[in-house]
N, C-alpha and C. Protein backbone atom coordinates (compact mmCIF):
# COMPACT_ATOMS: atom_id res chain seq x y z
N MET A 1 1.03 29.58 45.35
CA MET A 1 0.19 29.12 44.26
C MET A 1 0.77 27.90 43.59
N ARG A 2 2.06 27.91 43.35
CA ARG A 2 2.70 26.79 42.68
C ARG A 2 2.62 25.53 43.52
N LYS A 3 2.70 25.69 44.85
CA LYS A 3 2.61 24.51 45.71
C LYS A 3 1.27 23.82 45.53
N TRP A 4 0.21 24.59 45.39
CA TRP A 4 -1.13 23.99 45.23
C TRP A 4 -1.27 23.33 43.87
N VAL A 5 -0.58 23.84 42.88
CA VAL A 5 -0.61 23.23 41.56
C VAL A 5 0.19 21.94 41.55
N CYS A 6 1.33 21.94 42.23
CA CYS A 6 2.21 20.78 42.23
C CYS A 6 1.59 19.59 42.95
N VAL A 7 0.88 19.85 44.04
CA VAL A 7 0.32 18.73 44.81
C VAL A 7 -0.66 17.91 43.97
N PRO A 8 -1.65 18.53 43.30
CA PRO A 8 -2.53 17.72 42.45
C PRO A 8 -1.79 17.03 41.32
N MET A 9 -0.78 17.71 40.75
CA MET A 9 -0.03 17.08 39.67
C MET A 9 0.75 15.87 40.17
N MET A 10 1.33 15.99 41.38
CA MET A 10 2.06 14.86 41.95
C MET A 10 1.10 13.71 42.24
N THR A 11 -0.08 14.05 42.76
CA THR A 11 -1.07 13.02 43.05
C THR A 11 -1.49 12.31 41.77
N LEU A 12 -1.71 13.09 40.70
CA LEU A 12 -2.09 12.50 39.42
C LEU A 12 -1.00 11.58 38.90
N CYS A 13 0.25 11.99 39.02
CA CYS A 13 1.37 11.14 38.56
C CYS A 13 1.41 9.83 39.33
N LEU A 14 1.18 9.90 40.65
CA LEU A 14 1.18 8.68 41.45
C LEU A 14 0.04 7.76 41.05
N LEU A 15 -1.12 8.33 40.77
CA LEU A 15 -2.27 7.51 40.34
C LEU A 15 -1.98 6.85 39.00
N LEU A 16 -1.42 7.62 38.08
CA LEU A 16 -1.12 7.06 36.76
C LEU A 16 -0.05 5.98 36.87
N ALA A 17 0.92 6.19 37.74
CA ALA A 17 1.97 5.19 37.90
C ALA A 17 1.41 3.89 38.46
N GLY A 18 0.37 4.00 39.27
CA GLY A 18 -0.24 2.81 39.85
C GLY A 18 -1.14 2.06 38.90
N CYS A 19 -1.54 2.69 37.79
CA CYS A 19 -2.48 2.04 36.87
C CYS A 19 -1.90 0.78 36.26
N GLY A 20 -0.62 0.78 36.00
CA GLY A 20 -0.02 -0.37 35.33
C GLY A 20 0.32 -1.52 36.26
N LYS A 21 0.15 -1.34 37.56
CA LYS A 21 0.56 -2.37 38.50
C LYS A 21 -0.24 -3.64 38.35
N ASP A 22 -1.52 -3.55 37.93
CA ASP A 22 -2.36 -4.72 37.81
C ASP A 22 -2.10 -5.49 36.52
N GLU A 23 -1.30 -4.96 35.62
CA GLU A 23 -1.05 -5.62 34.35
C GLU A 23 0.26 -6.40 34.42
N ALA A 24 0.18 -7.68 34.04
CA ALA A 24 1.36 -8.53 34.05
C ALA A 24 2.23 -8.22 32.84
N SER A 25 3.52 -8.48 32.98
CA SER A 25 4.41 -8.31 31.84
C SER A 25 4.20 -9.45 30.86
N PRO A 26 4.57 -9.26 29.58
CA PRO A 26 4.45 -10.35 28.60
C PRO A 26 5.18 -11.61 29.05
N GLU A 27 6.34 -11.44 29.69
CA GLU A 27 7.10 -12.60 30.16
C GLU A 27 6.34 -13.35 31.24
N ASP A 28 5.69 -12.60 32.16
CA ASP A 28 4.92 -13.23 33.23
C ASP A 28 3.72 -13.98 32.66
N LEU A 29 3.05 -13.39 31.66
CA LEU A 29 1.89 -14.05 31.06
C LEU A 29 2.30 -15.35 30.40
N ARG A 30 3.38 -15.33 29.64
CA ARG A 30 3.83 -16.53 28.94
C ARG A 30 4.26 -17.60 29.94
N LEU A 31 4.97 -17.21 31.00
CA LEU A 31 5.42 -18.16 32.01
C LEU A 31 4.22 -18.81 32.71
N ARG A 32 3.19 -18.04 32.95
CA ARG A 32 2.00 -18.58 33.60
C ARG A 32 1.39 -19.70 32.78
N TRP A 33 1.35 -19.52 31.46
CA TRP A 33 0.81 -20.55 30.59
C TRP A 33 1.72 -21.76 30.51
N GLN A 34 3.02 -21.54 30.49
CA GLN A 34 3.95 -22.66 30.42
C GLN A 34 3.91 -23.52 31.67
N GLU A 35 3.60 -22.91 32.81
CA GLU A 35 3.55 -23.64 34.08
C GLU A 35 2.16 -24.15 34.41
N MET A 36 1.16 -23.78 33.64
CA MET A 36 -0.21 -24.17 33.89
C MET A 36 -0.39 -25.68 33.76
N THR A 37 -1.17 -26.28 34.67
CA THR A 37 -1.38 -27.73 34.62
C THR A 37 -2.74 -28.11 34.07
N ALA A 38 -3.74 -27.25 34.25
CA ALA A 38 -5.08 -27.59 33.76
C ALA A 38 -5.93 -26.32 33.69
N CYS A 39 -6.94 -26.36 32.83
CA CYS A 39 -7.87 -25.24 32.71
C CYS A 39 -9.17 -25.73 32.09
N THR A 40 -10.19 -24.93 32.20
CA THR A 40 -11.45 -25.20 31.52
C THR A 40 -11.92 -23.92 30.86
N MET A 41 -12.59 -24.03 29.73
CA MET A 41 -12.98 -22.84 28.99
C MET A 41 -14.21 -23.11 28.16
N GLU A 42 -14.93 -22.05 27.82
CA GLU A 42 -16.01 -22.10 26.85
C GLU A 42 -15.76 -21.03 25.82
N ALA A 43 -16.13 -21.33 24.57
CA ALA A 43 -15.86 -20.38 23.50
C ALA A 43 -16.78 -20.63 22.32
N VAL A 44 -17.03 -19.57 21.57
CA VAL A 44 -17.74 -19.68 20.30
C VAL A 44 -16.69 -19.82 19.21
N VAL A 45 -16.77 -20.93 18.47
CA VAL A 45 -15.81 -21.22 17.41
C VAL A 45 -16.51 -21.07 16.07
N VAL A 46 -15.92 -20.29 15.17
CA VAL A 46 -16.53 -20.00 13.87
C VAL A 46 -15.58 -20.42 12.76
N CYS A 47 -16.13 -21.12 11.77
CA CYS A 47 -15.38 -21.49 10.58
C CYS A 47 -16.02 -20.78 9.39
N GLN A 48 -15.20 -20.10 8.58
CA GLN A 48 -15.73 -19.37 7.43
C GLN A 48 -14.94 -19.67 6.16
N GLN A 49 -14.61 -20.94 5.97
CA GLN A 49 -13.96 -21.33 4.73
C GLN A 49 -14.97 -21.32 3.60
N GLU A 50 -14.48 -21.27 2.36
CA GLU A 50 -15.37 -21.14 1.21
C GLU A 50 -16.42 -22.24 1.16
N ASP A 51 -16.02 -23.47 1.38
CA ASP A 51 -16.95 -24.59 1.24
C ASP A 51 -17.53 -25.06 2.57
N LEU A 52 -17.25 -24.33 3.66
CA LEU A 52 -17.72 -24.78 4.96
C LEU A 52 -17.88 -23.58 5.88
N GLU A 53 -19.12 -23.29 6.27
CA GLU A 53 -19.39 -22.19 7.19
C GLU A 53 -20.26 -22.71 8.32
N TRP A 54 -19.80 -22.54 9.54
CA TRP A 54 -20.59 -22.98 10.68
C TRP A 54 -20.12 -22.26 11.94
N GLU A 55 -20.91 -22.40 13.00
CA GLU A 55 -20.59 -21.79 14.29
C GLU A 55 -21.04 -22.75 15.38
N ALA A 56 -20.22 -22.91 16.40
CA ALA A 56 -20.58 -23.79 17.52
C ALA A 56 -20.01 -23.23 18.81
N THR A 57 -20.69 -23.51 19.91
CA THR A 57 -20.19 -23.17 21.23
C THR A 57 -19.62 -24.43 21.85
N LEU A 58 -18.36 -24.38 22.26
CA LEU A 58 -17.66 -25.54 22.78
C LEU A 58 -17.19 -25.30 24.20
N ARG A 59 -17.14 -26.38 24.97
CA ARG A 59 -16.54 -26.37 26.30
C ARG A 59 -15.36 -27.33 26.28
N CYS A 60 -14.23 -26.89 26.80
CA CYS A 60 -13.03 -27.71 26.79
C CYS A 60 -12.45 -27.83 28.19
N ASP A 61 -12.19 -29.06 28.62
CA ASP A 61 -11.45 -29.33 29.84
C ASP A 61 -10.06 -29.78 29.41
N TYR A 62 -9.06 -28.98 29.72
CA TYR A 62 -7.69 -29.20 29.24
C TYR A 62 -6.80 -29.64 30.39
N ALA A 63 -6.04 -30.71 30.16
CA ALA A 63 -5.05 -31.17 31.13
C ALA A 63 -3.70 -31.24 30.43
N ALA A 64 -2.68 -30.65 31.04
CA ALA A 64 -1.37 -30.61 30.41
C ALA A 64 -0.76 -32.00 30.26
N ASP A 65 -1.08 -32.91 31.18
CA ASP A 65 -0.47 -34.23 31.15
C ASP A 65 -1.47 -35.35 30.89
N GLY A 66 -2.61 -35.02 30.31
CA GLY A 66 -3.61 -36.06 30.07
C GLY A 66 -4.52 -35.70 28.92
N PRO A 67 -5.56 -36.51 28.71
CA PRO A 67 -6.48 -36.23 27.60
C PRO A 67 -7.29 -34.96 27.84
N CYS A 68 -7.71 -34.33 26.74
CA CYS A 68 -8.57 -33.16 26.78
C CYS A 68 -9.95 -33.57 26.29
N THR A 69 -10.97 -33.03 26.91
CA THR A 69 -12.34 -33.32 26.50
C THR A 69 -12.99 -32.05 25.98
N VAL A 70 -13.57 -32.12 24.80
CA VAL A 70 -14.28 -30.99 24.20
C VAL A 70 -15.73 -31.41 24.00
N GLU A 71 -16.66 -30.62 24.55
CA GLU A 71 -18.09 -30.92 24.44
C GLU A 71 -18.79 -29.82 23.66
N VAL A 72 -19.69 -30.22 22.78
CA VAL A 72 -20.49 -29.26 22.02
C VAL A 72 -21.66 -28.81 22.89
N LEU A 73 -21.78 -27.50 23.11
CA LEU A 73 -22.90 -26.93 23.86
C LEU A 73 -24.01 -26.46 22.93
N SER A 74 -23.66 -25.98 21.76
CA SER A 74 -24.62 -25.60 20.73
C SER A 74 -23.91 -25.65 19.38
N PRO A 75 -24.66 -25.87 18.30
CA PRO A 75 -26.12 -25.87 18.14
C PRO A 75 -26.77 -27.10 18.79
N GLU A 76 -28.07 -26.96 19.02
CA GLU A 76 -28.81 -27.93 19.81
C GLU A 76 -28.77 -29.34 19.21
N HIS A 77 -28.82 -29.44 17.86
CA HIS A 77 -28.93 -30.78 17.26
C HIS A 77 -27.66 -31.63 17.42
N ILE A 78 -26.54 -31.03 17.85
CA ILE A 78 -25.34 -31.83 18.13
C ILE A 78 -24.83 -31.60 19.55
N ALA A 79 -25.61 -30.89 20.36
CA ALA A 79 -25.20 -30.63 21.75
C ALA A 79 -25.03 -31.95 22.49
N GLY A 80 -23.99 -32.03 23.29
CA GLY A 80 -23.72 -33.24 24.05
C GLY A 80 -22.66 -34.13 23.43
N VAL A 81 -22.38 -33.93 22.15
CA VAL A 81 -21.31 -34.71 21.52
C VAL A 81 -19.98 -34.29 22.13
N LYS A 82 -19.16 -35.29 22.50
CA LYS A 82 -17.86 -35.00 23.10
C LYS A 82 -16.75 -35.59 22.25
N ALA A 83 -15.67 -34.85 22.15
CA ALA A 83 -14.45 -35.34 21.51
C ALA A 83 -13.39 -35.47 22.59
N VAL A 84 -12.76 -36.62 22.65
CA VAL A 84 -11.66 -36.85 23.59
C VAL A 84 -10.37 -36.90 22.78
N ILE A 85 -9.44 -36.03 23.13
CA ILE A 85 -8.20 -35.89 22.37
C ILE A 85 -7.04 -36.21 23.29
N ASP A 86 -6.28 -37.23 22.91
CA ASP A 86 -5.15 -37.67 23.71
C ASP A 86 -3.98 -37.94 22.78
N GLY A 87 -3.12 -36.94 22.60
CA GLY A 87 -2.03 -37.07 21.65
C GLY A 87 -2.58 -37.18 20.24
N ARG A 88 -2.22 -38.24 19.55
CA ARG A 88 -2.70 -38.46 18.18
C ARG A 88 -4.05 -39.15 18.14
N GLU A 89 -4.50 -39.67 19.27
CA GLU A 89 -5.77 -40.39 19.30
C GLU A 89 -6.94 -39.42 19.41
N ARG A 90 -7.96 -39.64 18.59
CA ARG A 90 -9.18 -38.83 18.64
C ARG A 90 -10.37 -39.76 18.64
N ARG A 91 -11.35 -39.47 19.49
CA ARG A 91 -12.56 -40.27 19.45
C ARG A 91 -13.75 -39.41 19.83
N LEU A 92 -14.92 -39.75 19.30
CA LEU A 92 -16.16 -39.06 19.61
C LEU A 92 -17.00 -39.93 20.54
N GLU A 93 -17.66 -39.29 21.50
CA GLU A 93 -18.54 -40.01 22.41
C GLU A 93 -19.91 -39.34 22.39
N TYR A 94 -20.96 -40.17 22.28
CA TYR A 94 -22.31 -39.63 22.32
C TYR A 94 -23.24 -40.72 22.81
N GLU A 95 -23.90 -40.47 23.94
CA GLU A 95 -24.84 -41.41 24.55
C GLU A 95 -24.23 -42.80 24.68
N GLY A 96 -22.98 -42.83 25.16
CA GLY A 96 -22.34 -44.11 25.40
C GLY A 96 -21.63 -44.70 24.20
N ALA A 97 -21.92 -44.24 23.00
CA ALA A 97 -21.26 -44.76 21.81
C ALA A 97 -19.91 -44.07 21.64
N VAL A 98 -18.91 -44.83 21.22
CA VAL A 98 -17.58 -44.27 21.00
C VAL A 98 -17.18 -44.57 19.57
N LEU A 99 -16.80 -43.51 18.83
CA LEU A 99 -16.41 -43.66 17.43
C LEU A 99 -15.06 -43.01 17.20
N ASP A 100 -14.29 -43.55 16.27
CA ASP A 100 -13.05 -42.88 15.88
C ASP A 100 -13.39 -41.55 15.23
N ALA A 101 -12.59 -40.54 15.49
CA ALA A 101 -12.82 -39.23 14.89
C ALA A 101 -11.59 -38.82 14.12
N GLY A 102 -11.74 -38.55 12.87
CA GLY A 102 -10.63 -38.12 12.04
C GLY A 102 -10.53 -36.61 12.02
N VAL A 103 -9.95 -36.09 10.95
CA VAL A 103 -9.81 -34.65 10.80
C VAL A 103 -10.63 -34.20 9.61
N LEU A 104 -10.90 -32.92 9.55
CA LEU A 104 -11.76 -32.39 8.50
C LEU A 104 -11.00 -31.79 7.34
N SER A 105 -9.68 -31.72 7.44
CA SER A 105 -8.92 -31.09 6.38
C SER A 105 -7.49 -31.60 6.37
N ARG A 106 -6.76 -31.23 5.35
CA ARG A 106 -5.39 -31.70 5.19
C ARG A 106 -4.46 -31.14 6.26
N GLU A 107 -4.90 -30.14 7.02
CA GLU A 107 -4.05 -29.53 8.03
C GLU A 107 -3.99 -30.36 9.31
N ASN A 108 -4.74 -31.47 9.36
CA ASN A 108 -4.78 -32.34 10.53
C ASN A 108 -5.26 -31.61 11.79
N ILE A 109 -6.12 -30.62 11.62
CA ILE A 109 -6.73 -29.92 12.75
C ILE A 109 -8.24 -30.01 12.57
N SER A 110 -8.91 -30.69 13.48
CA SER A 110 -10.36 -30.72 13.43
C SER A 110 -10.89 -29.58 14.29
N PRO A 111 -12.13 -29.11 14.04
CA PRO A 111 -12.68 -28.04 14.87
C PRO A 111 -12.70 -28.40 16.35
N ALA A 112 -12.89 -29.69 16.66
CA ALA A 112 -12.91 -30.11 18.06
C ALA A 112 -11.57 -29.88 18.74
N GLU A 113 -10.49 -29.85 17.97
CA GLU A 113 -9.16 -29.67 18.53
C GLU A 113 -8.74 -28.21 18.64
N CYS A 114 -9.58 -27.31 18.19
CA CYS A 114 -9.21 -25.90 18.12
C CYS A 114 -8.79 -25.34 19.48
N LEU A 115 -9.60 -25.55 20.51
CA LEU A 115 -9.30 -24.97 21.82
C LEU A 115 -8.04 -25.57 22.45
N PRO A 116 -7.91 -26.92 22.51
CA PRO A 116 -6.65 -27.44 23.04
C PRO A 116 -5.44 -27.06 22.19
N TYR A 117 -5.64 -26.91 20.89
CA TYR A 117 -4.53 -26.52 20.01
C TYR A 117 -4.03 -25.12 20.38
N LEU A 118 -4.96 -24.19 20.65
CA LEU A 118 -4.55 -22.84 21.03
C LEU A 118 -3.82 -22.83 22.38
N VAL A 119 -4.31 -23.65 23.32
CA VAL A 119 -3.64 -23.73 24.62
C VAL A 119 -2.24 -24.33 24.46
N ASP A 120 -2.12 -25.38 23.64
CA ASP A 120 -0.80 -25.96 23.38
C ASP A 120 0.14 -24.93 22.77
N ALA A 121 -0.39 -24.09 21.89
CA ALA A 121 0.44 -23.05 21.27
C ALA A 121 0.97 -22.08 22.32
N LEU A 122 0.11 -21.68 23.25
CA LEU A 122 0.55 -20.77 24.31
C LEU A 122 1.60 -21.41 25.21
N ARG A 123 1.47 -22.70 25.44
CA ARG A 123 2.38 -23.39 26.34
C ARG A 123 3.71 -23.77 25.67
N MET A 124 3.64 -24.20 24.39
CA MET A 124 4.83 -24.80 23.80
C MET A 124 5.20 -24.26 22.42
N GLY A 125 4.41 -23.32 21.90
CA GLY A 125 4.67 -22.82 20.55
C GLY A 125 5.87 -21.89 20.47
N TRP A 126 6.36 -21.69 19.24
CA TRP A 126 7.44 -20.74 18.99
C TRP A 126 6.84 -19.36 18.77
N LEU A 127 7.26 -18.40 19.58
CA LEU A 127 6.71 -17.05 19.51
C LEU A 127 7.27 -16.33 18.28
N LEU A 128 6.38 -15.88 17.39
CA LEU A 128 6.77 -15.17 16.19
C LEU A 128 6.54 -13.66 16.32
N GLU A 129 5.42 -13.29 16.93
CA GLU A 129 5.08 -11.86 17.10
C GLU A 129 4.48 -11.66 18.47
N GLU A 130 4.69 -10.47 19.01
CA GLU A 130 4.15 -10.11 20.32
C GLU A 130 4.00 -8.60 20.40
N ASN A 131 2.82 -8.12 20.73
CA ASN A 131 2.62 -6.69 20.93
C ASN A 131 1.36 -6.46 21.74
N GLU A 132 1.29 -5.30 22.39
CA GLU A 132 0.10 -4.94 23.13
C GLU A 132 -0.91 -4.36 22.14
N GLU A 133 -2.12 -4.90 22.18
CA GLU A 133 -3.15 -4.48 21.23
C GLU A 133 -4.51 -4.70 21.88
N ALA A 134 -5.30 -3.66 21.99
CA ALA A 134 -6.63 -3.79 22.58
C ALA A 134 -7.56 -4.51 21.61
N TRP A 135 -8.43 -5.36 22.18
CA TRP A 135 -9.50 -5.95 21.38
C TRP A 135 -10.79 -5.37 21.94
N GLY A 136 -11.48 -4.58 21.12
CA GLY A 136 -12.59 -3.80 21.65
C GLY A 136 -12.01 -2.77 22.59
N ASP A 137 -12.49 -2.76 23.83
CA ASP A 137 -11.94 -1.83 24.82
C ASP A 137 -11.12 -2.56 25.88
N VAL A 138 -10.72 -3.80 25.58
CA VAL A 138 -9.96 -4.60 26.55
C VAL A 138 -8.47 -4.59 26.19
N PRO A 139 -7.61 -4.09 27.08
CA PRO A 139 -6.17 -4.12 26.82
C PRO A 139 -5.67 -5.57 26.78
N CYS A 140 -4.96 -5.91 25.73
CA CYS A 140 -4.53 -7.29 25.53
C CYS A 140 -3.07 -7.36 25.11
N LEU A 141 -2.49 -8.54 25.31
CA LEU A 141 -1.23 -8.90 24.70
C LEU A 141 -1.57 -9.84 23.54
N ARG A 142 -1.22 -9.43 22.33
CA ARG A 142 -1.48 -10.24 21.14
C ARG A 142 -0.21 -11.01 20.78
N MET A 143 -0.35 -12.34 20.69
CA MET A 143 0.80 -13.17 20.37
C MET A 143 0.47 -14.06 19.17
N THR A 144 1.42 -14.21 18.27
CA THR A 144 1.31 -15.16 17.18
C THR A 144 2.38 -16.22 17.38
N LEU A 145 1.93 -17.49 17.36
CA LEU A 145 2.83 -18.60 17.66
C LEU A 145 2.72 -19.66 16.58
N GLU A 146 3.81 -20.40 16.39
CA GLU A 146 3.83 -21.48 15.40
C GLU A 146 4.25 -22.75 16.12
N GLN A 147 3.58 -23.85 15.82
CA GLN A 147 3.90 -25.09 16.52
C GLN A 147 3.81 -26.33 15.65
N SER A 148 3.52 -26.16 14.38
CA SER A 148 3.24 -27.34 13.56
C SER A 148 4.47 -28.21 13.35
N GLY A 149 5.61 -27.59 13.04
CA GLY A 149 6.80 -28.36 12.77
C GLY A 149 6.70 -29.19 11.52
N THR A 150 5.74 -28.85 10.65
CA THR A 150 5.55 -29.58 9.40
C THR A 150 5.75 -28.62 8.24
N GLN A 151 5.54 -29.13 7.02
CA GLN A 151 5.67 -28.27 5.85
C GLN A 151 4.54 -27.26 5.77
N THR A 152 3.40 -27.57 6.38
CA THR A 152 2.28 -26.65 6.40
C THR A 152 2.45 -25.66 7.55
N GLU A 153 2.32 -24.37 7.26
CA GLU A 153 2.47 -23.34 8.30
C GLU A 153 1.14 -23.15 9.02
N VAL A 154 1.10 -23.55 10.27
CA VAL A 154 -0.09 -23.38 11.11
C VAL A 154 0.24 -22.36 12.18
N LEU A 155 -0.47 -21.23 12.16
CA LEU A 155 -0.22 -20.15 13.12
C LEU A 155 -1.41 -19.98 14.05
N SER A 156 -1.11 -19.76 15.32
CA SER A 156 -2.12 -19.45 16.32
C SER A 156 -1.91 -18.01 16.76
N THR A 157 -2.94 -17.18 16.65
CA THR A 157 -2.88 -15.81 17.14
C THR A 157 -3.87 -15.69 18.28
N ILE A 158 -3.39 -15.19 19.42
CA ILE A 158 -4.21 -15.18 20.63
C ILE A 158 -4.09 -13.83 21.31
N TRP A 159 -5.24 -13.31 21.75
CA TRP A 159 -5.29 -12.07 22.51
C TRP A 159 -5.52 -12.44 23.98
N LEU A 160 -4.54 -12.13 24.84
CA LEU A 160 -4.64 -12.39 26.27
C LEU A 160 -4.91 -11.09 27.00
N ARG A 161 -5.85 -11.11 27.94
CA ARG A 161 -6.10 -9.93 28.76
C ARG A 161 -4.85 -9.59 29.57
N LEU A 162 -4.47 -8.32 29.56
CA LEU A 162 -3.28 -7.91 30.28
C LEU A 162 -3.45 -8.00 31.79
N ASP A 163 -4.70 -7.88 32.28
CA ASP A 163 -4.87 -7.86 33.73
C ASP A 163 -4.75 -9.23 34.37
N ASP A 164 -5.16 -10.31 33.67
CA ASP A 164 -5.11 -11.62 34.32
C ASP A 164 -4.58 -12.75 33.42
N GLY A 165 -4.24 -12.43 32.17
CA GLY A 165 -3.65 -13.44 31.30
C GLY A 165 -4.61 -14.42 30.68
N THR A 166 -5.92 -14.25 30.89
CA THR A 166 -6.88 -15.17 30.30
C THR A 166 -7.15 -14.79 28.84
N PRO A 167 -7.49 -15.78 27.99
CA PRO A 167 -7.69 -15.49 26.57
C PRO A 167 -9.03 -14.81 26.29
N LEU A 168 -9.01 -13.88 25.35
CA LEU A 168 -10.21 -13.19 24.93
C LEU A 168 -10.63 -13.62 23.53
N ARG A 169 -9.63 -13.80 22.66
CA ARG A 169 -9.91 -14.16 21.26
C ARG A 169 -8.74 -14.98 20.73
N GLY A 170 -9.04 -15.83 19.74
CA GLY A 170 -8.00 -16.62 19.11
C GLY A 170 -8.32 -16.84 17.64
N GLU A 171 -7.27 -17.06 16.86
CA GLU A 171 -7.43 -17.36 15.44
C GLU A 171 -6.44 -18.44 15.06
N LEU A 172 -6.88 -19.37 14.23
CA LEU A 172 -6.00 -20.39 13.66
C LEU A 172 -5.94 -20.18 12.16
N SER A 173 -4.74 -20.06 11.64
CA SER A 173 -4.58 -19.89 10.20
C SER A 173 -3.63 -20.94 9.65
N VAL A 174 -3.90 -21.37 8.42
CA VAL A 174 -3.09 -22.38 7.75
C VAL A 174 -2.63 -21.81 6.42
N ASP A 175 -1.31 -21.75 6.24
CA ASP A 175 -0.73 -21.20 5.02
C ASP A 175 -1.32 -19.83 4.67
N GLY A 176 -1.49 -18.99 5.71
CA GLY A 176 -1.96 -17.63 5.51
C GLY A 176 -3.46 -17.46 5.45
N GLU A 177 -4.22 -18.55 5.50
CA GLU A 177 -5.69 -18.46 5.45
C GLU A 177 -6.27 -18.73 6.82
N ASN A 178 -7.09 -17.80 7.33
CA ASN A 178 -7.73 -17.97 8.62
C ASN A 178 -8.82 -19.03 8.50
N ILE A 179 -8.68 -20.15 9.23
CA ILE A 179 -9.67 -21.22 9.10
C ILE A 179 -10.64 -21.28 10.28
N LEU A 180 -10.22 -20.83 11.47
CA LEU A 180 -11.09 -20.87 12.64
C LEU A 180 -10.88 -19.61 13.48
N THR A 181 -11.99 -19.06 13.98
CA THR A 181 -11.96 -17.89 14.86
C THR A 181 -12.62 -18.27 16.17
N VAL A 182 -12.05 -17.85 17.28
CA VAL A 182 -12.53 -18.23 18.60
C VAL A 182 -12.79 -16.99 19.44
N GLU A 183 -13.98 -16.91 20.03
CA GLU A 183 -14.32 -15.86 20.99
C GLU A 183 -14.56 -16.54 22.33
N PHE A 184 -13.64 -16.35 23.28
CA PHE A 184 -13.77 -16.99 24.58
C PHE A 184 -14.85 -16.30 25.42
N THR A 185 -15.75 -17.11 26.00
CA THR A 185 -16.82 -16.56 26.83
C THR A 185 -16.59 -16.81 28.32
N SER A 186 -15.78 -17.81 28.66
CA SER A 186 -15.38 -18.03 30.06
C SER A 186 -14.07 -18.80 30.09
N PHE A 187 -13.34 -18.64 31.19
CA PHE A 187 -12.05 -19.31 31.32
C PHE A 187 -11.69 -19.44 32.80
N LEU A 188 -11.11 -20.59 33.15
CA LEU A 188 -10.71 -20.83 34.54
C LEU A 188 -9.40 -21.61 34.56
N PHE A 189 -8.37 -21.07 35.23
CA PHE A 189 -7.16 -21.82 35.52
C PHE A 189 -7.46 -22.70 36.73
N TYR A 190 -7.31 -24.01 36.63
CA TYR A 190 -7.53 -24.87 37.79
C TYR A 190 -6.51 -24.63 38.88
N ASP A 191 -5.24 -24.45 38.49
CA ASP A 191 -4.19 -24.37 39.49
C ASP A 191 -4.07 -23.01 40.15
N THR A 192 -4.64 -21.97 39.54
CA THR A 192 -4.54 -20.65 40.16
C THR A 192 -5.88 -20.14 40.65
N ILE A 193 -6.95 -20.86 40.36
CA ILE A 193 -8.30 -20.52 40.82
C ILE A 193 -8.65 -19.08 40.51
N GLU A 194 -8.41 -18.69 39.26
CA GLU A 194 -8.82 -17.37 38.79
C GLU A 194 -9.67 -17.56 37.56
N SER A 195 -10.76 -16.82 37.45
CA SER A 195 -11.65 -17.01 36.31
C SER A 195 -11.96 -15.68 35.67
N GLN A 196 -12.41 -15.78 34.41
CA GLN A 196 -12.84 -14.60 33.67
C GLN A 196 -14.07 -15.00 32.87
N GLY A 197 -15.16 -14.31 33.07
CA GLY A 197 -16.38 -14.60 32.34
C GLY A 197 -16.77 -13.43 31.47
N ALA A 198 -17.58 -13.71 30.46
CA ALA A 198 -18.03 -12.65 29.58
C ALA A 198 -19.12 -11.85 30.24
């Protein structure tokens, strides 16, 4: 009788031991981002500051060694507007016109820079916090990183899926106030040819 009980229990233990094999370690996830050369993503970005509330869907083509392009997909009345971000240079492009683009606040972060800023944080930021935390029913690694190097504290908090390391959610906060929230709807690593869609 005990032999028949032990066999299912051993089988169950083997199955449970195999469940974690598809999940990367936090070190592997961070290394993947540090070695990443390019990616593309779409996300819903929400701002809920007291004097400014809006929501937009953005697409970002990110290159580690070159300019990043962010295009507005919605709302419709500004769809097609592109921001090109190359180091400190910012410019807007729309129907062939090119305009200088500044920032919207004293933190020197414009909404157009939100997605590349979060990617930069994952690649080069100083890790302050790290823990496994599900978002909804998705197992994630939650990381909080700092990269400003200025008197203003700018923190990026990002939830990465444990199974493939792609981002699910992000938040940007300045001096303790959450200024932008990001819900990623699709993501693709160019160099690893792996994607995650909503």
